[in-house]
Amino acid sequence: QVHPAEVLRDGVATKVAVKVIRPGVRRR
C-alpha cells in the first residue's frame, strides 16, 4: 500500500510516496 509522506532536502519539505509491503504477504 502507498502512504504520502514528507522528507527534508536542504531544509525544504518535499512530498514523497512511500510504498510499504503488506504484512505476512510473503508467507501467504
PDB file of all heavy atoms in Angstrom:
ATOM      1  N   GLN A   1       0.848  -1.185   0.000  1.00  0.00           N
ATOM      2  CA  GLN A   1       0.000   0.000   0.000  1.00  0.00           C
ATOM      3  C   GLN A   1       0.889   1.242   0.000  1.00  0.00           C
ATOM      4  O   GLN A   1       2.083   1.175   0.325  1.00  0.00           O
ATOM      5  CB  GLN A   1      -0.967   0.018   1.179  1.00  0.00           C
ATOM      6  CG  GLN A   1      -0.350   0.175   2.536  1.00  0.00           C
ATOM      7  CD  GLN A   1      -1.412   0.121   3.650  1.00  0.00           C
ATOM      8  OE1 GLN A   1      -2.468  -0.487   3.507  1.00  0.00           O
ATOM      9  NE2 GLN A   1      -1.120   0.749   4.777  1.00  0.00           N
ATOM     10  N   VAL A   2       0.288   2.379  -0.357  1.00  0.00           N
ATOM     11  CA  VAL A   2       1.050   3.617  -0.549  1.00  0.00           C
ATOM     12  C   VAL A   2       0.620   4.664   0.476  1.00  0.00           C
ATOM     13  O   VAL A   2      -0.576   4.864   0.711  1.00  0.00           O
ATOM     14  CB  VAL A   2       0.852   4.159  -1.982  1.00  0.00           C
ATOM     15  CG1 VAL A   2       1.583   5.490  -2.152  1.00  0.00           C
ATOM     16  CG2 VAL A   2       1.353   3.145  -3.004  1.00  0.00           C
ATOM     17  N   HIS A   3       1.630   5.324   1.073  1.00  0.00           N
ATOM     18  CA  HIS A   3       1.409   6.416   2.033  1.00  0.00           C
ATOM     19  C   HIS A   3       2.039   7.699   1.490  1.00  0.00           C
ATOM     20  O   HIS A   3       3.144   7.658   0.950  1.00  0.00           O
ATOM     21  CB  HIS A   3       2.070   6.098   3.378  1.00  0.00           C
ATOM     22  CG  HIS A   3       1.519   4.891   4.069  1.00  0.00           C
ATOM     23  ND1 HIS A   3       0.674   4.971   5.160  1.00  0.00           N
ATOM     24  CD2 HIS A   3       1.702   3.565   3.841  1.00  0.00           C
ATOM     25  CE1 HIS A   3       0.367   3.746   5.556  1.00  0.00           C
ATOM     26  NE2 HIS A   3       0.974   2.873   4.777  1.00  0.00           N
ATOM     27  N   PRO A   4       1.363   8.842   1.686  1.00  0.00           N
ATOM     28  CA  PRO A   4       2.035  10.120   1.405  1.00  0.00           C
ATOM     29  C   PRO A   4       2.949  10.469   2.592  1.00  0.00           C
ATOM     30  O   PRO A   4       2.634  10.151   3.745  1.00  0.00           O
ATOM     31  CB  PRO A   4       0.870  11.109   1.291  1.00  0.00           C
ATOM     32  CG  PRO A   4      -0.210  10.516   2.160  1.00  0.00           C
ATOM     33  CD  PRO A   4      -0.039   9.021   2.097  1.00  0.00           C
ATOM     34  N   ALA A   5       4.070  11.075   2.315  1.00  0.00           N
ATOM     35  CA  ALA A   5       5.000  11.458   3.374  1.00  0.00           C
ATOM     36  C   ALA A   5       5.781  12.691   2.912  1.00  0.00           C
ATOM     37  O   ALA A   5       5.677  13.117   1.749  1.00  0.00           O
ATOM     38  CB  ALA A   5       5.947  10.308   3.708  1.00  0.00           C
ATOM     39  N   GLU A   6       6.540  13.250   3.838  1.00  0.00           N
ATOM     40  CA  GLU A   6       7.408  14.386   3.518  1.00  0.00           C
ATOM     41  C   GLU A   6       8.812  14.099   4.016  1.00  0.00           C
ATOM     42  O   GLU A   6       8.991  13.494   5.082  1.00  0.00           O
ATOM     43  CB  GLU A   6       6.896  15.685   4.160  1.00  0.00           C
ATOM     44  CG  GLU A   6       5.645  16.252   3.512  1.00  0.00           C
ATOM     45  CD  GLU A   6       5.229  17.589   4.136  1.00  0.00           C
ATOM     46  OE1 GLU A   6       5.404  17.727   5.366  1.00  0.00           O
ATOM     47  OE2 GLU A   6       4.764  18.472   3.397  1.00  0.00           O
ATOM     48  N   VAL A   7       9.811  14.517   3.237  1.00  0.00           N
ATOM     49  CA  VAL A   7      11.215  14.404   3.641  1.00  0.00           C
ATOM     50  C   VAL A   7      11.844  15.794   3.552  1.00  0.00           C
ATOM     51  O   VAL A   7      11.372  16.657   2.798  1.00  0.00           O
ATOM     52  CB  VAL A   7      11.992  13.416   2.754  1.00  0.00           C
ATOM     53  CG1 VAL A   7      11.387  12.013   2.861  1.00  0.00           C
ATOM     54  CG2 VAL A   7      12.018  13.860   1.303  1.00  0.00           C
ATOM     55  N   LEU A   8      12.886  15.991   4.330  1.00  0.00           N
ATOM     56  CA  LEU A   8      13.604  17.264   4.296  1.00  0.00           C
ATOM     57  C   LEU A   8      14.819  17.136   3.383  1.00  0.00           C
ATOM     58  O   LEU A   8      15.669  16.264   3.576  1.00  0.00           O
ATOM     59  CB  LEU A   8      14.048  17.661   5.701  1.00  0.00           C
ATOM     60  CG  LEU A   8      12.950  18.139   6.660  1.00  0.00           C
ATOM     61  CD1 LEU A   8      13.510  18.384   8.048  1.00  0.00           C
ATOM     62  CD2 LEU A   8      12.295  19.422   6.124  1.00  0.00           C
ATOM     63  N   ARG A   9      14.873  17.993   2.365  1.00  0.00           N
ATOM     64  CA  ARG A   9      16.017  18.037   1.465  1.00  0.00           C
ATOM     65  C   ARG A   9      16.521  19.469   1.424  1.00  0.00           C
ATOM     66  O   ARG A   9      15.821  20.368   0.952  1.00  0.00           O
ATOM     67  CB  ARG A   9      15.631  17.560   0.063  1.00  0.00           C
ATOM     68  CG  ARG A   9      15.284  16.067   0.037  1.00  0.00           C
ATOM     69  CD  ARG A   9      15.070  15.570  -1.369  1.00  0.00           C
ATOM     70  NE  ARG A   9      14.736  14.134  -1.341  1.00  0.00           N
ATOM     71  CZ  ARG A   9      13.757  13.582  -2.037  1.00  0.00           C
ATOM     72  NH1 ARG A   9      12.996  14.333  -2.819  1.00  0.00           N
ATOM     73  NH2 ARG A   9      13.534  12.286  -1.970  1.00  0.00           N
ATOM     74  N   ASP A  10      17.727  19.668   1.959  1.00  0.00           N
ATOM     75  CA  ASP A  10      18.318  21.011   2.076  1.00  0.00           C
ATOM     76  C   ASP A  10      17.398  21.945   2.850  1.00  0.00           C
ATOM     77  O   ASP A  10      17.243  23.133   2.497  1.00  0.00           O
ATOM     78  CB  ASP A  10      18.601  21.591   0.685  1.00  0.00           C
ATOM     79  CG  ASP A  10      19.584  20.740  -0.104  1.00  0.00           C
ATOM     80  OD1 ASP A  10      20.507  20.179   0.525  1.00  0.00           O
ATOM     81  OD2 ASP A  10      19.434  20.636  -1.338  1.00  0.00           O
ATOM     82  N   GLY A  11      16.762  21.383   3.889  1.00  0.00           N
ATOM     83  CA  GLY A  11      15.893  22.176   4.750  1.00  0.00           C
ATOM     84  C   GLY A  11      14.514  22.441   4.192  1.00  0.00           C
ATOM     85  O   GLY A  11      13.703  23.115   4.840  1.00  0.00           O
ATOM     86  N   VAL A  12      14.207  21.905   3.011  1.00  0.00           N
ATOM     87  CA  VAL A  12      12.905  22.135   2.378  1.00  0.00           C
ATOM     88  C   VAL A  12      12.101  20.835   2.421  1.00  0.00           C
ATOM     89  O   VAL A  12      12.615  19.765   2.065  1.00  0.00           O
ATOM     90  CB  VAL A  12      13.085  22.598   0.915  1.00  0.00           C
ATOM     91  CG1 VAL A  12      11.723  22.790   0.253  1.00  0.00           C
ATOM     92  CG2 VAL A  12      13.898  23.878   0.860  1.00  0.00           C
ATOM     93  N   ALA A  13      10.842  20.906   2.863  1.00  0.00           N
ATOM     94  CA  ALA A  13       9.969  19.729   2.919  1.00  0.00           C
ATOM     95  C   ALA A  13       9.523  19.360   1.508  1.00  0.00           C
ATOM     96  O   ALA A  13       8.994  20.199   0.772  1.00  0.00           O
ATOM     97  CB  ALA A  13       8.758  20.008   3.804  1.00  0.00           C
ATOM     98  N   THR A  14       9.751  18.108   1.140  1.00  0.00           N
ATOM     99  CA  THR A  14       9.386  17.603  -0.192  1.00  0.00           C
ATOM    100  C   THR A  14       8.458  16.414  -0.036  1.00  0.00           C
ATOM    101  O   THR A  14       8.744  15.486   0.729  1.00  0.00           O
ATOM    102  CB  THR A  14      10.643  17.173  -0.971  1.00  0.00           C
ATOM    103  OG1 THR A  14      11.556  18.272  -1.049  1.00  0.00           O
ATOM    104  CG2 THR A  14      10.276  16.711  -2.377  1.00  0.00           C
ATOM    105  N   LYS A  15       7.345  16.429  -0.766  1.00  0.00           N
ATOM    106  CA  LYS A  15       6.378  15.340  -0.675  1.00  0.00           C
ATOM    107  C   LYS A  15       6.870  14.125  -1.451  1.00  0.00           C
ATOM    108  O   LYS A  15       7.380  14.244  -2.570  1.00  0.00           O
ATOM    109  CB  LYS A  15       5.019  15.783  -1.216  1.00  0.00           C
ATOM    110  CG  LYS A  15       3.878  14.807  -0.912  1.00  0.00           C
ATOM    111  CD  LYS A  15       2.527  15.377  -1.330  1.00  0.00           C
ATOM    112  CE  LYS A  15       1.385  14.443  -0.946  1.00  0.00           C
ATOM    113  NZ  LYS A  15       0.059  14.982  -1.359  1.00  0.00           N
ATOM    114  N   VAL A  16       6.712  12.949  -0.849  1.00  0.00           N
ATOM    115  CA  VAL A  16       7.115  11.694  -1.491  1.00  0.00           C
ATOM    116  C   VAL A  16       6.005  10.662  -1.317  1.00  0.00           C
ATOM    117  O   VAL A  16       5.111  10.817  -0.483  1.00  0.00           O
ATOM    118  CB  VAL A  16       8.432  11.138  -0.885  1.00  0.00           C
ATOM    119  CG1 VAL A  16       9.601  12.051  -1.201  1.00  0.00           C
ATOM    120  CG2 VAL A  16       8.286  10.908   0.618  1.00  0.00           C
ATOM    121  N   ALA A  17       6.075   9.598  -2.118  1.00  0.00           N
ATOM    122  CA  ALA A  17       5.179   8.447  -1.985  1.00  0.00           C
ATOM    123  C   ALA A  17       5.978   7.300  -1.384  1.00  0.00           C
ATOM    124  O   ALA A  17       7.088   7.004  -1.843  1.00  0.00           O
ATOM    125  CB  ALA A  17       4.614   8.049  -3.336  1.00  0.00           C
ATOM    126  N   VAL A  18       5.409   6.641  -0.362  1.00  0.00           N
ATOM    127  CA  VAL A  18       6.092   5.537   0.312  1.00  0.00           C
ATOM    128  C   VAL A  18       5.258   4.269   0.122  1.00  0.00           C
ATOM    129  O   VAL A  18       4.122   4.182   0.595  1.00  0.00           O
ATOM    130  CB  VAL A  18       6.292   5.822   1.813  1.00  0.00           C
ATOM    131  CG1 VAL A  18       7.102   4.699   2.465  1.00  0.00           C
ATOM    132  CG2 VAL A  18       6.980   7.166   2.018  1.00  0.00           C
ATOM    133  N   LYS A  19       5.812   3.317  -0.561  1.00  0.00           N
ATOM    134  CA  LYS A  19       5.147   2.038  -0.815  1.00  0.00           C
ATOM    135  C   LYS A  19       5.661   1.029   0.208  1.00  0.00           C
ATOM    136  O   LYS A  19       6.876   0.798   0.308  1.00  0.00           O
ATOM    137  CB  LYS A  19       5.459   1.573  -2.238  1.00  0.00           C
ATOM    138  CG  LYS A  19       4.671   0.366  -2.702  1.00  0.00           C
ATOM    139  CD  LYS A  19       4.947   0.103  -4.195  1.00  0.00           C
ATOM    140  CE  LYS A  19       4.127  -1.057  -4.718  1.00  0.00           C
ATOM    141  NZ  LYS A  19       4.365  -1.269  -6.174  1.00  0.00           N
ATOM    142  N   VAL A  20       4.736   0.410   0.957  1.00  0.00           N
ATOM    143  CA  VAL A  20       5.114  -0.499   2.052  1.00  0.00           C
ATOM    144  C   VAL A  20       4.499  -1.870   1.799  1.00  0.00           C
ATOM    145  O   VAL A  20       3.301  -1.976   1.478  1.00  0.00           O
ATOM    146  CB  VAL A  20       4.646   0.049   3.413  1.00  0.00           C
ATOM    147  CG1 VAL A  20       5.145  -0.845   4.550  1.00  0.00           C
ATOM    148  CG2 VAL A  20       5.128   1.480   3.617  1.00  0.00           C
ATOM    149  N   ILE A  21       5.296  -2.910   1.952  1.00  0.00           N
ATOM    150  CA  ILE A  21       4.840  -4.279   1.697  1.00  0.00           C
ATOM    151  C   ILE A  21       3.774  -4.674   2.712  1.00  0.00           C
ATOM    152  O   ILE A  21       3.795  -4.224   3.871  1.00  0.00           O
ATOM    153  CB  ILE A  21       6.035  -5.254   1.748  1.00  0.00           C
ATOM    154  CG1 ILE A  21       5.819  -6.473   0.850  1.00  0.00           C
ATOM    155  CG2 ILE A  21       6.327  -5.699   3.154  1.00  0.00           C
ATOM    156  CD1 ILE A  21       6.066  -6.233  -0.589  1.00  0.00           C
ATOM    157  N   ARG A  22       2.818  -5.480   2.313  1.00  0.00           N
ATOM    158  CA  ARG A  22       1.730  -5.920   3.196  1.00  0.00           C
ATOM    159  C   ARG A  22       2.257  -6.948   4.203  1.00  0.00           C
ATOM    160  O   ARG A  22       2.954  -7.897   3.807  1.00  0.00           O
ATOM    161  CB  ARG A  22       0.602  -6.532   2.361  1.00  0.00           C
ATOM    162  CG  ARG A  22      -0.648  -6.916   3.131  1.00  0.00           C
ATOM    163  CD  ARG A  22      -1.743  -7.364   2.170  1.00  0.00           C
ATOM    164  NE  ARG A  22      -2.303  -6.231   1.456  1.00  0.00           N
ATOM    165  CZ  ARG A  22      -3.269  -5.439   1.933  1.00  0.00           C
ATOM    166  NH1 ARG A  22      -3.784  -5.691   3.132  1.00  0.00           N
ATOM    167  NH2 ARG A  22      -3.727  -4.429   1.231  1.00  0.00           N
ATOM    168  N   PRO A  23       1.951  -6.811   5.492  1.00  0.00           N
ATOM    169  CA  PRO A  23       2.454  -7.764   6.498  1.00  0.00           C
ATOM    170  C   PRO A  23       1.987  -9.191   6.207  1.00  0.00           C
ATOM    171  O   PRO A  23       0.821  -9.421   5.884  1.00  0.00           O
ATOM    172  CB  PRO A  23       1.853  -7.253   7.817  1.00  0.00           C
ATOM    173  CG  PRO A  23       1.481  -5.829   7.558  1.00  0.00           C
ATOM    174  CD  PRO A  23       1.139  -5.745   6.109  1.00  0.00           C
ATOM    175  N   GLY A  24       2.911 -10.141   6.310  1.00  0.00           N
ATOM    176  CA  GLY A  24       2.575 -11.552   6.140  1.00  0.00           C
ATOM    177  C   GLY A  24       2.313 -11.991   4.722  1.00  0.00           C
ATOM    178  O   GLY A  24       1.968 -13.156   4.477  1.00  0.00           O
ATOM    179  N   VAL A  25       2.503 -11.093   3.737  1.00  0.00           N
ATOM    180  CA  VAL A  25       2.130 -11.430   2.365  1.00  0.00           C
ATOM    181  C   VAL A  25       3.049 -12.501   1.785  1.00  0.00           C
ATOM    182  O   VAL A  25       2.608 -13.351   1.017  1.00  0.00           O
ATOM    183  CB  VAL A  25       2.128 -10.159   1.480  1.00  0.00           C
ATOM    184  CG1 VAL A  25       3.528  -9.630   1.246  1.00  0.00           C
ATOM    185  CG2 VAL A  25       1.434 -10.439   0.148  1.00  0.00           C
ATOM    186  N   ARG A  26       4.329 -12.483   2.180  1.00  0.00           N
ATOM    187  CA  ARG A  26       5.248 -13.485   1.626  1.00  0.00           C
ATOM    188  C   ARG A  26       4.876 -14.898   2.102  1.00  0.00           C
ATOM    189  O   ARG A  26       4.900 -15.846   1.319  1.00  0.00           O
ATOM    190  CB  ARG A  26       6.690 -13.151   2.026  1.00  0.00           C
ATOM    191  CG  ARG A  26       7.236 -11.882   1.374  1.00  0.00           C
ATOM    192  CD  ARG A  26       8.719 -11.710   1.656  1.00  0.00           C
ATOM    193  NE  ARG A  26       9.227 -10.484   1.065  1.00  0.00           N
ATOM    194  CZ  ARG A  26       9.264  -9.312   1.685  1.00  0.00           C
ATOM    195  NH1 ARG A  26       8.815  -9.222   2.927  1.00  0.00           N
ATOM    196  NH2 ARG A  26       9.743  -8.235   1.090  1.00  0.00           N
ATOM    197  N   ARG A  27       4.543 -15.027   3.384  1.00  0.00           N
ATOM    198  CA  ARG A  27       4.168 -16.343   3.917  1.00  0.00           C
ATOM    199  C   ARG A  27       2.898 -16.852   3.230  1.00  0.00           C
ATOM    200  O   ARG A  27       2.811 -18.024   2.842  1.00  0.00           O
ATOM    201  CB  ARG A  27       3.952 -16.246   5.428  1.00  0.00           C
ATOM    202  CG  ARG A  27       3.496 -17.566   6.079  1.00  0.00           C
ATOM    203  CD  ARG A  27       3.286 -17.382   7.579  1.00  0.00           C
ATOM    204  NE  ARG A  27       2.365 -16.312   7.850  1.00  0.00           N
ATOM    205  CZ  ARG A  27       1.036 -16.420   7.771  1.00  0.00           C
ATOM    206  NH1 ARG A  27       0.487 -17.574   7.431  1.00  0.00           N
ATOM    207  NH2 ARG A  27       0.259 -15.392   8.048  1.00  0.00           N
ATOM    208  N   ARG A  28       1.914 -15.974   3.046  1.00  0.00           N
ATOM    209  CA  ARG A  28       0.657 -16.374   2.400  1.00  0.00           C
ATOM    210  C   ARG A  28       0.898 -16.793   0.957  1.00  0.00           C
ATOM    211  O   ARG A  28       0.350 -17.805   0.479  1.00  0.00           O
ATOM    212  CB  ARG A  28      -0.335 -15.205   2.469  1.00  0.00           C
ATOM    213  CG  ARG A  28      -1.666 -15.475   1.771  1.00  0.00           C
ATOM    214  CD  ARG A  28      -2.467 -16.560   2.476  1.00  0.00           C
ATOM    215  NE  ARG A  28      -3.695 -16.861   1.761  1.00  0.00           N
ATOM    216  CZ  ARG A  28      -4.846 -16.215   1.956  1.00  0.00           C
ATOM    217  NH1 ARG A  28      -4.920 -15.219   2.843  1.00  0.00           N
ATOM    218  NH2 ARG A  28      -5.920 -16.554   1.289  1.00  0.00           N
TER     219      ARG A  28
END
